[in-house]
Amino acid sequence: ATLYIKSHADFNERLASYIGGVGADLFFLEREGAASRTVAAEREEKLDEQSFSKFISEEIDSLSRWYEAHAAEAKSDTVKTHLAFNDARTVRLTEISKKYETVLRPKIKSQRYAKILQRELDPATLNNARLLAWKLYVYDMTDFERVYKSLGHDPLKLIEFAKSLEKEDDPEAKLKAIASKLP
């Protein structure tokens, strides 16, 4: 309720997810101290989440390009062509699952996060709806991270920065332009 930019649901949801993660980190840090197991686990999960965000963002982009290349098949009126497209899509989704298992899974340190991803990226259950949910909540969080870092890891300054994007026609593009100039 602190910030809502009309007609930019993806931006709003990713910002809320990012700030929620920052808030959780700060809550446990203040409550338990820097040396607590909870804070260590939160840091580990945050690193895993960053790795997953990068991985799934690349896979979503790749799959979007794949869908564009196969748009005619997807819209085909012939049953044979449409069934072939569905089979090819299943293969492509299975490839994402396998790539997770071979590329990202060995790098995930948090067992809780690993269990969640294993269930979510199971070839039998991975589908467009799951991918769209990830696109809405965890897609390419690097721009938020860069801005947050440049603001001295101050969540209030991050919120004020986000509020400054309210009048932008495309707050996502403005965020990306600003973040691209940061180290």
C-alpha atoms as a PDB file:
ATOM      1  CA  ALA A   1       0.000   0.000   0.000  1.00  0.00           C
ATOM      2  CA  THR A   2       3.043   2.285   0.198  1.00  0.00           C
ATOM      3  CA  LEU A   3       3.406   2.482  -3.571  1.00  0.00           C
ATOM      4  CA  TYR A   4       1.294   1.405  -6.511  1.00  0.00           C
ATOM      5  CA  ILE A   5       2.009   2.546 -10.039  1.00  0.00           C
ATOM      6  CA  LYS A   6      -1.153   2.160 -12.119  1.00  0.00           C
ATOM      7  CA  SER A   7      -0.902  -0.160 -15.151  1.00  0.00           C
ATOM      8  CA  HIS A   8       2.494  -1.536 -14.105  1.00  0.00           C
ATOM      9  CA  ALA A   9       1.579  -4.669 -12.149  1.00  0.00           C
ATOM     10  CA  ASP A  10       4.801  -6.543 -12.972  1.00  0.00           C
ATOM     11  CA  PHE A  11       6.948  -3.674 -11.735  1.00  0.00           C
ATOM     12  CA  ASN A  12       4.806  -3.261  -8.592  1.00  0.00           C
ATOM     13  CA  GLU A  13       4.916  -6.954  -7.705  1.00  0.00           C
ATOM     14  CA  ARG A  14       8.661  -7.338  -8.245  1.00  0.00           C
ATOM     15  CA  LEU A  15       9.322  -4.191  -6.223  1.00  0.00           C
ATOM     16  CA  ALA A  16       7.097  -5.499  -3.420  1.00  0.00           C
ATOM     17  CA  SER A  17       8.874  -8.878  -3.509  1.00  0.00           C
ATOM     18  CA  TYR A  18      12.266  -7.213  -3.413  1.00  0.00           C
ATOM     19  CA  ILE A  19      11.377  -4.853  -0.572  1.00  0.00           C
ATOM     20  CA  GLY A  20       9.723  -7.730   1.311  1.00  0.00           C
ATOM     21  CA  GLY A  21      12.972  -9.686   1.119  1.00  0.00           C
ATOM     22  CA  VAL A  22      14.955  -6.687   2.314  1.00  0.00           C
ATOM     23  CA  GLY A  23      12.501  -6.203   5.174  1.00  0.00           C
ATOM     24  CA  ALA A  24      12.775  -9.845   6.247  1.00  0.00           C
ATOM     25  CA  ASP A  25      16.572  -9.598   6.218  1.00  0.00           C
ATOM     26  CA  LEU A  26      16.506  -6.469   8.358  1.00  0.00           C
ATOM     27  CA  PHE A  27      13.924  -7.942  10.748  1.00  0.00           C
ATOM     28  CA  PHE A  28      16.030 -11.009  11.523  1.00  0.00           C
ATOM     29  CA  LEU A  29      19.240  -9.000  11.674  1.00  0.00           C
ATOM     30  CA  GLU A  30      17.744  -6.629  14.240  1.00  0.00           C
ATOM     31  CA  ARG A  31      15.956  -9.334  16.206  1.00  0.00           C
ATOM     32  CA  GLU A  32      18.692 -11.966  16.351  1.00  0.00           C
ATOM     33  CA  GLY A  33      21.943 -10.216  15.453  1.00  0.00           C
ATOM     34  CA  ALA A  34      24.418 -10.694  12.641  1.00  0.00           C
ATOM     35  CA  ALA A  35      25.817 -13.959  14.029  1.00  0.00           C
ATOM     36  CA  SER A  36      22.488 -15.808  14.278  1.00  0.00           C
ATOM     37  CA  ARG A  37      21.747 -18.986  12.343  1.00  0.00           C
ATOM     38  CA  THR A  38      18.551 -17.428  11.030  1.00  0.00           C
ATOM     39  CA  VAL A  39      20.435 -14.487   9.519  1.00  0.00           C
ATOM     40  CA  ALA A  40      22.980 -16.863   7.978  1.00  0.00           C
ATOM     41  CA  ALA A  41      20.151 -18.968   6.528  1.00  0.00           C
ATOM     42  CA  GLU A  42      18.417 -15.849   5.183  1.00  0.00           C
ATOM     43  CA  ARG A  43      21.636 -14.718   3.495  1.00  0.00           C
ATOM     44  CA  GLU A  44      22.094 -18.161   1.978  1.00  0.00           C
ATOM     45  CA  GLU A  45      18.515 -18.169   0.687  1.00  0.00           C
ATOM     46  CA  LYS A  46      18.918 -14.644  -0.697  1.00  0.00           C
ATOM     47  CA  LEU A  47      21.974 -15.727  -2.679  1.00  0.00           C
ATOM     48  CA  ASP A  48      20.052 -18.760  -3.920  1.00  0.00           C
ATOM     49  CA  GLU A  49      17.121 -16.548  -4.865  1.00  0.00           C
ATOM     50  CA  GLN A  50      19.436 -14.223  -6.802  1.00  0.00           C
ATOM     51  CA  SER A  51      20.895 -17.204  -8.656  1.00  0.00           C
ATOM     52  CA  PHE A  52      17.424 -18.545  -9.376  1.00  0.00           C
ATOM     53  CA  SER A  53      16.192 -15.140 -10.530  1.00  0.00           C
ATOM     54  CA  LYS A  54      19.058 -14.907 -13.014  1.00  0.00           C
ATOM     55  CA  PHE A  55      18.519 -18.496 -14.189  1.00  0.00           C
ATOM     56  CA  ILE A  56      14.734 -18.287 -14.583  1.00  0.00           C
ATOM     57  CA  SER A  57      14.905 -14.846 -16.217  1.00  0.00           C
ATOM     58  CA  GLU A  58      17.245 -16.220 -18.887  1.00  0.00           C
ATOM     59  CA  GLU A  59      15.007 -19.261 -19.382  1.00  0.00           C
ATOM     60  CA  ILE A  60      11.841 -17.145 -19.640  1.00  0.00           C
ATOM     61  CA  ASP A  61      13.512 -14.912 -22.221  1.00  0.00           C
ATOM     62  CA  SER A  62      14.712 -17.937 -24.172  1.00  0.00           C
ATOM     63  CA  LEU A  63      11.278 -19.548 -24.042  1.00  0.00           C
ATOM     64  CA  SER A  64       9.647 -16.304 -25.205  1.00  0.00           C
ATOM     65  CA  ARG A  65      11.929 -16.279 -28.245  1.00  0.00           C
ATOM     66  CA  TRP A  66      11.078 -19.947 -28.838  1.00  0.00           C
ATOM     67  CA  TYR A  67       7.343 -19.173 -28.724  1.00  0.00           C
ATOM     68  CA  GLU A  68       7.825 -16.311 -31.180  1.00  0.00           C
ATOM     69  CA  ALA A  69       9.665 -18.630 -33.573  1.00  0.00           C
ATOM     70  CA  HIS A  70       6.854 -21.207 -33.302  1.00  0.00           C
ATOM     71  CA  ALA A  71       3.865 -18.845 -33.274  1.00  0.00           C
ATOM     72  CA  ALA A  72       2.442 -20.149 -36.541  1.00  0.00           C
ATOM     73  CA  GLU A  73       2.501 -23.734 -35.272  1.00  0.00           C
ATOM     74  CA  ALA A  74       0.828 -22.735 -32.008  1.00  0.00           C
ATOM     75  CA  LYS A  75      -2.027 -21.082 -33.886  1.00  0.00           C
ATOM     76  CA  SER A  76      -2.342 -23.769 -36.525  1.00  0.00           C
ATOM     77  CA  ASP A  77      -5.802 -25.030 -37.407  1.00  0.00           C
ATOM     78  CA  THR A  78      -4.521 -28.485 -38.221  1.00  0.00           C
ATOM     79  CA  VAL A  79      -4.634 -30.941 -35.356  1.00  0.00           C
ATOM     80  CA  LYS A  80      -1.397 -32.625 -36.403  1.00  0.00           C
ATOM     81  CA  THR A  81       0.564 -29.349 -36.403  1.00  0.00           C
ATOM     82  CA  HIS A  82      -0.945 -28.215 -33.130  1.00  0.00           C
ATOM     83  CA  LEU A  83      -0.192 -31.559 -31.436  1.00  0.00           C
ATOM     84  CA  ALA A  84       3.378 -31.405 -32.733  1.00  0.00           C
ATOM     85  CA  PHE A  85       3.689 -27.914 -31.240  1.00  0.00           C
ATOM     86  CA  ASN A  86       2.393 -29.150 -27.871  1.00  0.00           C
ATOM     87  CA  ASP A  87       4.911 -32.003 -27.919  1.00  0.00           C
ATOM     88  CA  ALA A  88       7.715 -29.596 -28.788  1.00  0.00           C
ATOM     89  CA  ARG A  89       6.625 -27.263 -25.966  1.00  0.00           C
ATOM     90  CA  THR A  90       6.712 -30.172 -23.507  1.00  0.00           C
ATOM     91  CA  VAL A  91      10.238 -30.975 -24.654  1.00  0.00           C
ATOM     92  CA  ARG A  92      11.265 -27.335 -24.236  1.00  0.00           C
ATOM     93  CA  LEU A  93       9.828 -27.171 -20.691  1.00  0.00           C
ATOM     94  CA  THR A  94      11.579 -30.439 -19.828  1.00  0.00           C
ATOM     95  CA  GLU A  95      14.838 -28.910 -21.065  1.00  0.00           C
ATOM     96  CA  ILE A  96      14.389 -26.070 -18.563  1.00  0.00           C
ATOM     97  CA  SER A  97      13.882 -28.605 -15.771  1.00  0.00           C
ATOM     98  CA  LYS A  98      16.952 -30.568 -16.798  1.00  0.00           C
ATOM     99  CA  LYS A  99      19.044 -27.431 -17.087  1.00  0.00           C
ATOM    100  CA  TYR A 100      18.017 -26.468 -13.569  1.00  0.00           C
ATOM    101  CA  GLU A 101      19.097 -29.897 -12.284  1.00  0.00           C
ATOM    102  CA  THR A 102      22.488 -29.821 -14.021  1.00  0.00           C
ATOM    103  CA  VAL A 103      23.411 -26.123 -13.935  1.00  0.00           C
ATOM    104  CA  LEU A 104      21.725 -24.427 -10.996  1.00  0.00           C
ATOM    105  CA  ARG A 105      20.763 -27.172  -8.530  1.00  0.00           C
ATOM    106  CA  PRO A 106      24.390 -28.039  -7.646  1.00  0.00           C
ATOM    107  CA  LYS A 107      24.951 -24.384  -6.673  1.00  0.00           C
ATOM    108  CA  ILE A 108      21.896 -24.043  -4.406  1.00  0.00           C
ATOM    109  CA  LYS A 109      23.008 -24.104  -0.766  1.00  0.00           C
ATOM    110  CA  SER A 110      19.726 -23.740   1.122  1.00  0.00           C
ATOM    111  CA  GLN A 111      18.000 -27.094   1.492  1.00  0.00           C
ATOM    112  CA  ARG A 112      14.622 -25.421   2.000  1.00  0.00           C
ATOM    113  CA  TYR A 113      15.011 -23.427  -1.206  1.00  0.00           C
ATOM    114  CA  ALA A 114      16.301 -26.506  -3.051  1.00  0.00           C
ATOM    115  CA  LYS A 115      13.195 -28.485  -2.050  1.00  0.00           C
ATOM    116  CA  ILE A 116      10.900 -25.708  -3.240  1.00  0.00           C
ATOM    117  CA  LEU A 117      12.665 -25.413  -6.584  1.00  0.00           C
ATOM    118  CA  GLN A 118      12.820 -29.168  -7.073  1.00  0.00           C
ATOM    119  CA  ARG A 119       9.034 -29.349  -6.675  1.00  0.00           C
ATOM    120  CA  GLU A 120       8.364 -26.246  -8.774  1.00  0.00           C
ATOM    121  CA  LEU A 121      10.723 -27.234 -11.588  1.00  0.00           C
ATOM    122  CA  ASP A 122       9.664 -30.864 -11.796  1.00  0.00           C
ATOM    123  CA  PRO A 123       9.214 -31.716 -15.490  1.00  0.00           C
ATOM    124  CA  ALA A 124       5.775 -33.158 -14.744  1.00  0.00           C
ATOM    125  CA  THR A 125       4.496 -29.896 -13.263  1.00  0.00           C
ATOM    126  CA  LEU A 126       6.473 -27.120 -14.963  1.00  0.00           C
ATOM    127  CA  ASN A 127       4.143 -25.091 -17.152  1.00  0.00           C
ATOM    128  CA  ASN A 128       3.503 -21.601 -18.507  1.00  0.00           C
ATOM    129  CA  ALA A 129       1.465 -20.593 -15.443  1.00  0.00           C
ATOM    130  CA  ARG A 130       4.439 -21.251 -13.128  1.00  0.00           C
ATOM    131  CA  LEU A 131       6.761 -19.396 -15.455  1.00  0.00           C
ATOM    132  CA  LEU A 132       4.390 -16.419 -15.571  1.00  0.00           C
ATOM    133  CA  ALA A 133       4.256 -16.345 -11.769  1.00  0.00           C
ATOM    134  CA  TRP A 134       8.049 -16.263 -11.595  1.00  0.00           C
ATOM    135  CA  LYS A 135       8.124 -13.572 -14.246  1.00  0.00           C
ATOM    136  CA  LEU A 136       5.742 -11.542 -12.111  1.00  0.00           C
ATOM    137  CA  TYR A 137       7.622 -11.940  -8.820  1.00  0.00           C
ATOM    138  CA  VAL A 138      11.307 -12.771  -9.358  1.00  0.00           C
ATOM    139  CA  TYR A 139      12.183 -11.830 -12.937  1.00  0.00           C
ATOM    140  CA  ASP A 140      15.504  -9.950 -13.180  1.00  0.00           C
ATOM    141  CA  MET A 141      15.856  -8.410  -9.744  1.00  0.00           C
ATOM    142  CA  THR A 142      19.374  -7.132 -10.535  1.00  0.00           C
ATOM    143  CA  ASP A 143      18.187  -3.589 -11.246  1.00  0.00           C
ATOM    144  CA  PHE A 144      16.545  -3.306  -7.835  1.00  0.00           C
ATOM    145  CA  GLU A 145      19.683  -4.761  -6.253  1.00  0.00           C
ATOM    146  CA  ARG A 146      21.966  -2.246  -7.990  1.00  0.00           C
ATOM    147  CA  VAL A 147      19.827   0.718  -6.972  1.00  0.00           C
ATOM    148  CA  TYR A 148      19.499  -0.566  -3.398  1.00  0.00           C
ATOM    149  CA  LYS A 149      23.266  -0.977  -3.150  1.00  0.00           C
ATOM    150  CA  SER A 150      23.854   2.523  -4.572  1.00  0.00           C
ATOM    151  CA  LEU A 151      21.509   3.922  -1.904  1.00  0.00           C
ATOM    152  CA  GLY A 152      23.662   2.488   0.871  1.00  0.00           C
ATOM    153  CA  HIS A 153      21.357  -0.493   1.440  1.00  0.00           C
ATOM    154  CA  ASP A 154      18.742   1.872   2.881  1.00  0.00           C
ATOM    155  CA  PRO A 155      15.205   0.508   2.328  1.00  0.00           C
ATOM    156  CA  LEU A 156      13.556   3.880   2.948  1.00  0.00           C
ATOM    157  CA  LYS A 157      15.697   5.487   0.269  1.00  0.00           C
ATOM    158  CA  LEU A 158      14.785   2.636  -2.076  1.00  0.00           C
ATOM    159  CA  ILE A 159      11.087   3.266  -1.469  1.00  0.00           C
ATOM    160  CA  GLU A 160      11.573   7.003  -2.082  1.00  0.00           C
ATOM    161  CA  PHE A 161      13.465   6.192  -5.273  1.00  0.00           C
ATOM    162  CA  ALA A 162      10.622   3.906  -6.395  1.00  0.00           C
ATOM    163  CA  LYS A 163       8.102   6.652  -5.639  1.00  0.00           C
ATOM    164  CA  SER A 164      10.077   8.949  -7.932  1.00  0.00           C
ATOM    165  CA  LEU A 165       9.185   6.563 -10.779  1.00  0.00           C
ATOM    166  CA  GLU A 166       5.406   7.002 -10.298  1.00  0.00           C
ATOM    167  CA  LYS A 167       5.086   9.645 -13.020  1.00  0.00           C
ATOM    168  CA  GLU A 168       7.164   7.705 -15.552  1.00  0.00           C
ATOM    169  CA  ASP A 169       5.384   6.232 -18.585  1.00  0.00           C
ATOM    170  CA  ASP A 170       7.546   3.136 -18.171  1.00  0.00           C
ATOM    171  CA  PRO A 171       8.993   2.839 -14.652  1.00  0.00           C
ATOM    172  CA  GLU A 172      10.680  -0.457 -15.575  1.00  0.00           C
ATOM    173  CA  ALA A 173      12.610   1.178 -18.421  1.00  0.00           C
ATOM    174  CA  LYS A 174      13.583   4.120 -16.221  1.00  0.00           C
ATOM    175  CA  LEU A 175      14.774   1.763 -13.469  1.00  0.00           C
ATOM    176  CA  LYS A 176      16.801  -0.195 -16.010  1.00  0.00           C
ATOM    177  CA  ALA A 177      18.328   2.993 -17.459  1.00  0.00           C
ATOM    178  CA  ILE A 178      19.354   4.253 -14.017  1.00  0.00           C
ATOM    179  CA  ALA A 179      20.626   0.850 -12.838  1.00  0.00           C
ATOM    180  CA  SER A 180      22.678   0.346 -16.005  1.00  0.00           C
ATOM    181  CA  LYS A 181      24.772   3.385 -15.076  1.00  0.00           C
ATOM    182  CA  LEU A 182      25.538   2.032 -11.602  1.00  0.00           C
ATOM    183  CA  PRO A 183      28.447  -0.276 -10.712  1.00  0.00           C
END
